[in-house]
Amino acid sequence: MKTTTTMDPPITLGLPLSGPAPVPGCGVCGALARQRTDYTTAGNPSRATDCSVEIRNHPHKGGTP
């Protein structure tokens, strides 16, 4: 019995998502958005992404992110 092996096709990734918008009036979200801008300007995309994750996960009253 002959076994044929093949490689999977390459993975195609889309463009990265834009960062989440800070919730208006939230000091924490605003500070994280400023830090994200600073890190992006400084050429540190990893830290900028960390700020986006924090903004996205920051809890707000009423369950509205």
N, C-alpha and C. Protein backbone atom coordinates (compact mmCIF):
# COMPACT_ATOMS: atom_id res chain seq x y z
N MET A 1 0.84 -1.17 0.00
CA MET A 1 0.00 0.00 0.00
C MET A 1 0.89 1.24 0.00
N LYS A 2 0.65 2.14 -0.93
CA LYS A 2 1.47 3.34 -1.07
C LYS A 2 0.78 4.51 -0.35
N THR A 3 1.55 5.24 0.47
CA THR A 3 1.03 6.39 1.20
C THR A 3 1.53 7.67 0.53
N THR A 4 0.61 8.57 0.26
CA THR A 4 0.98 9.85 -0.33
C THR A 4 0.83 10.93 0.73
N THR A 5 1.85 11.74 0.87
CA THR A 5 1.78 12.83 1.83
C THR A 5 1.90 14.15 1.09
N THR A 6 1.14 15.13 1.55
CA THR A 6 1.21 16.46 0.96
C THR A 6 1.20 17.50 2.07
N MET A 7 1.67 18.67 1.73
CA MET A 7 1.66 19.76 2.70
C MET A 7 0.33 20.51 2.60
N ASP A 8 -0.08 21.10 3.71
CA ASP A 8 -1.26 21.96 3.69
C ASP A 8 -0.92 23.23 2.93
N PRO A 9 -1.93 23.87 2.35
CA PRO A 9 -1.65 25.15 1.68
C PRO A 9 -1.26 26.21 2.70
N PRO A 10 -0.60 27.28 2.27
CA PRO A 10 -0.19 28.32 3.20
C PRO A 10 -1.40 29.03 3.82
N ILE A 11 -1.20 29.53 5.01
CA ILE A 11 -2.26 30.27 5.70
C ILE A 11 -2.27 31.69 5.17
N THR A 12 -3.46 32.21 4.90
CA THR A 12 -3.59 33.58 4.44
C THR A 12 -4.23 34.38 5.56
N LEU A 13 -3.52 35.41 6.02
CA LEU A 13 -4.03 36.24 7.10
C LEU A 13 -4.54 37.55 6.53
N GLY A 14 -5.62 38.07 7.14
CA GLY A 14 -6.15 39.35 6.74
C GLY A 14 -5.41 40.48 7.42
N LEU A 15 -5.82 41.69 7.11
CA LEU A 15 -5.22 42.85 7.77
C LEU A 15 -5.59 42.86 9.24
N PRO A 16 -4.73 43.39 10.10
CA PRO A 16 -5.05 43.44 11.52
C PRO A 16 -6.26 44.34 11.77
N LEU A 17 -7.01 44.01 12.81
CA LEU A 17 -8.17 44.81 13.19
C LEU A 17 -7.71 46.16 13.72
N SER A 18 -8.52 47.17 13.51
CA SER A 18 -8.19 48.47 14.10
C SER A 18 -8.44 48.39 15.61
N GLY A 19 -7.77 49.24 16.35
CA GLY A 19 -7.91 49.23 17.80
C GLY A 19 -9.31 49.65 18.23
N PRO A 20 -9.77 49.14 19.36
CA PRO A 20 -11.09 49.52 19.84
C PRO A 20 -11.10 50.97 20.31
N ALA A 21 -12.24 51.61 20.17
CA ALA A 21 -12.38 53.00 20.62
C ALA A 21 -12.58 53.02 22.14
N PRO A 22 -11.96 53.97 22.83
CA PRO A 22 -12.18 54.08 24.27
C PRO A 22 -13.60 54.55 24.54
N VAL A 23 -14.17 54.09 25.65
CA VAL A 23 -15.52 54.50 26.03
C VAL A 23 -15.46 55.97 26.46
N PRO A 24 -16.31 56.82 25.87
CA PRO A 24 -16.30 58.25 26.23
C PRO A 24 -16.52 58.44 27.73
N GLY A 25 -15.72 59.30 28.32
CA GLY A 25 -15.86 59.60 29.74
C GLY A 25 -15.15 58.65 30.68
N CYS A 26 -14.57 57.58 30.16
CA CYS A 26 -13.86 56.62 31.01
C CYS A 26 -12.39 57.00 31.05
N GLY A 27 -11.91 57.36 32.23
CA GLY A 27 -10.52 57.77 32.39
C GLY A 27 -9.53 56.66 32.10
N VAL A 28 -9.88 55.43 32.47
CA VAL A 28 -8.98 54.29 32.23
C VAL A 28 -8.84 54.04 30.74
N CYS A 29 -9.96 54.02 30.02
CA CYS A 29 -9.92 53.79 28.58
C CYS A 29 -9.17 54.93 27.88
N GLY A 30 -9.38 56.16 28.34
CA GLY A 30 -8.69 57.30 27.74
C GLY A 30 -7.19 57.21 27.93
N ALA A 31 -6.77 56.84 29.14
CA ALA A 31 -5.33 56.71 29.42
C ALA A 31 -4.72 55.59 28.59
N LEU A 32 -5.44 54.49 28.45
CA LEU A 32 -4.92 53.37 27.65
C LEU A 32 -4.83 53.76 26.18
N ALA A 33 -5.78 54.54 25.69
CA ALA A 33 -5.75 54.98 24.29
C ALA A 33 -4.54 55.90 24.06
N ARG A 34 -4.25 56.78 25.01
CA ARG A 34 -3.07 57.65 24.88
C ARG A 34 -1.79 56.81 24.90
N GLN A 35 -1.73 55.83 25.80
CA GLN A 35 -0.55 54.96 25.87
C GLN A 35 -0.39 54.18 24.56
N ARG A 36 -1.51 53.71 24.01
CA ARG A 36 -1.47 52.97 22.75
C ARG A 36 -0.87 53.84 21.64
N THR A 37 -1.30 55.10 21.59
CA THR A 37 -0.76 56.02 20.59
C THR A 37 0.74 56.24 20.80
N ASP A 38 1.13 56.41 22.06
CA ASP A 38 2.56 56.61 22.37
C ASP A 38 3.39 55.41 21.95
N TYR A 39 2.90 54.20 22.26
CA TYR A 39 3.64 52.99 21.90
C TYR A 39 3.70 52.81 20.38
N THR A 40 2.61 53.13 19.71
CA THR A 40 2.61 53.02 18.25
C THR A 40 3.62 53.98 17.64
N THR A 41 3.64 55.21 18.14
CA THR A 41 4.58 56.21 17.65
C THR A 41 6.03 55.80 17.93
N ALA A 42 6.25 55.16 19.08
CA ALA A 42 7.59 54.74 19.47
C ALA A 42 8.03 53.46 18.76
N GLY A 43 7.15 52.86 17.95
CA GLY A 43 7.51 51.65 17.23
C GLY A 43 7.44 50.39 18.07
N ASN A 44 6.52 50.36 19.04
CA ASN A 44 6.37 49.18 19.90
C ASN A 44 4.95 48.62 19.71
N PRO A 45 4.71 47.89 18.61
CA PRO A 45 3.36 47.39 18.33
C PRO A 45 2.86 46.36 19.34
N SER A 46 3.76 45.65 19.98
CA SER A 46 3.34 44.66 20.97
C SER A 46 2.67 45.34 22.16
N ARG A 47 3.29 46.40 22.68
CA ARG A 47 2.70 47.14 23.79
C ARG A 47 1.42 47.84 23.37
N ALA A 48 1.38 48.36 22.13
CA ALA A 48 0.17 49.00 21.62
C ALA A 48 -0.99 48.00 21.57
N THR A 49 -0.69 46.77 21.16
CA THR A 49 -1.72 45.73 21.13
C THR A 49 -2.18 45.39 22.54
N ASP A 50 -1.26 45.36 23.49
CA ASP A 50 -1.65 45.12 24.89
C ASP A 50 -2.65 46.17 25.36
N CYS A 51 -2.43 47.42 24.99
CA CYS A 51 -3.36 48.49 25.38
C CYS A 51 -4.73 48.28 24.73
N SER A 52 -4.76 47.85 23.48
CA SER A 52 -6.03 47.58 22.80
C SER A 52 -6.79 46.47 23.50
N VAL A 53 -6.08 45.43 23.91
CA VAL A 53 -6.72 44.32 24.62
C VAL A 53 -7.30 44.82 25.94
N GLU A 54 -6.55 45.65 26.66
CA GLU A 54 -7.04 46.20 27.93
C GLU A 54 -8.29 47.06 27.71
N ILE A 55 -8.28 47.88 26.67
CA ILE A 55 -9.47 48.70 26.37
C ILE A 55 -10.66 47.81 26.07
N ARG A 56 -10.44 46.81 25.25
CA ARG A 56 -11.53 45.90 24.85
C ARG A 56 -12.09 45.14 26.05
N ASN A 57 -11.25 44.79 27.00
CA ASN A 57 -11.69 43.97 28.15
C ASN A 57 -12.06 44.79 29.38
N HIS A 58 -11.89 46.10 29.33
CA HIS A 58 -12.17 46.93 30.51
C HIS A 58 -13.67 46.94 30.80
N PRO A 59 -14.06 46.54 32.01
CA PRO A 59 -15.49 46.47 32.34
C PRO A 59 -16.09 47.85 32.58
N HIS A 60 -17.36 48.01 32.22
CA HIS A 60 -18.10 49.24 32.47
C HIS A 60 -19.45 48.88 33.06
N LYS A 61 -20.00 49.77 33.85
CA LYS A 61 -21.31 49.51 34.46
C LYS A 61 -22.36 49.32 33.38
N GLY A 62 -23.29 48.44 33.65
CA GLY A 62 -24.35 48.17 32.69
C GLY A 62 -23.97 47.14 31.64
N GLY A 63 -22.76 46.59 31.75
CA GLY A 63 -22.33 45.55 30.82
C GLY A 63 -21.92 46.07 29.46
N THR A 64 -21.85 47.40 29.31
CA THR A 64 -21.45 47.96 28.03
C THR A 64 -19.95 48.21 28.01
N PRO A 65 -19.24 47.53 27.12
CA PRO A 65 -17.79 47.75 27.08
C PRO A 65 -17.42 49.10 26.53
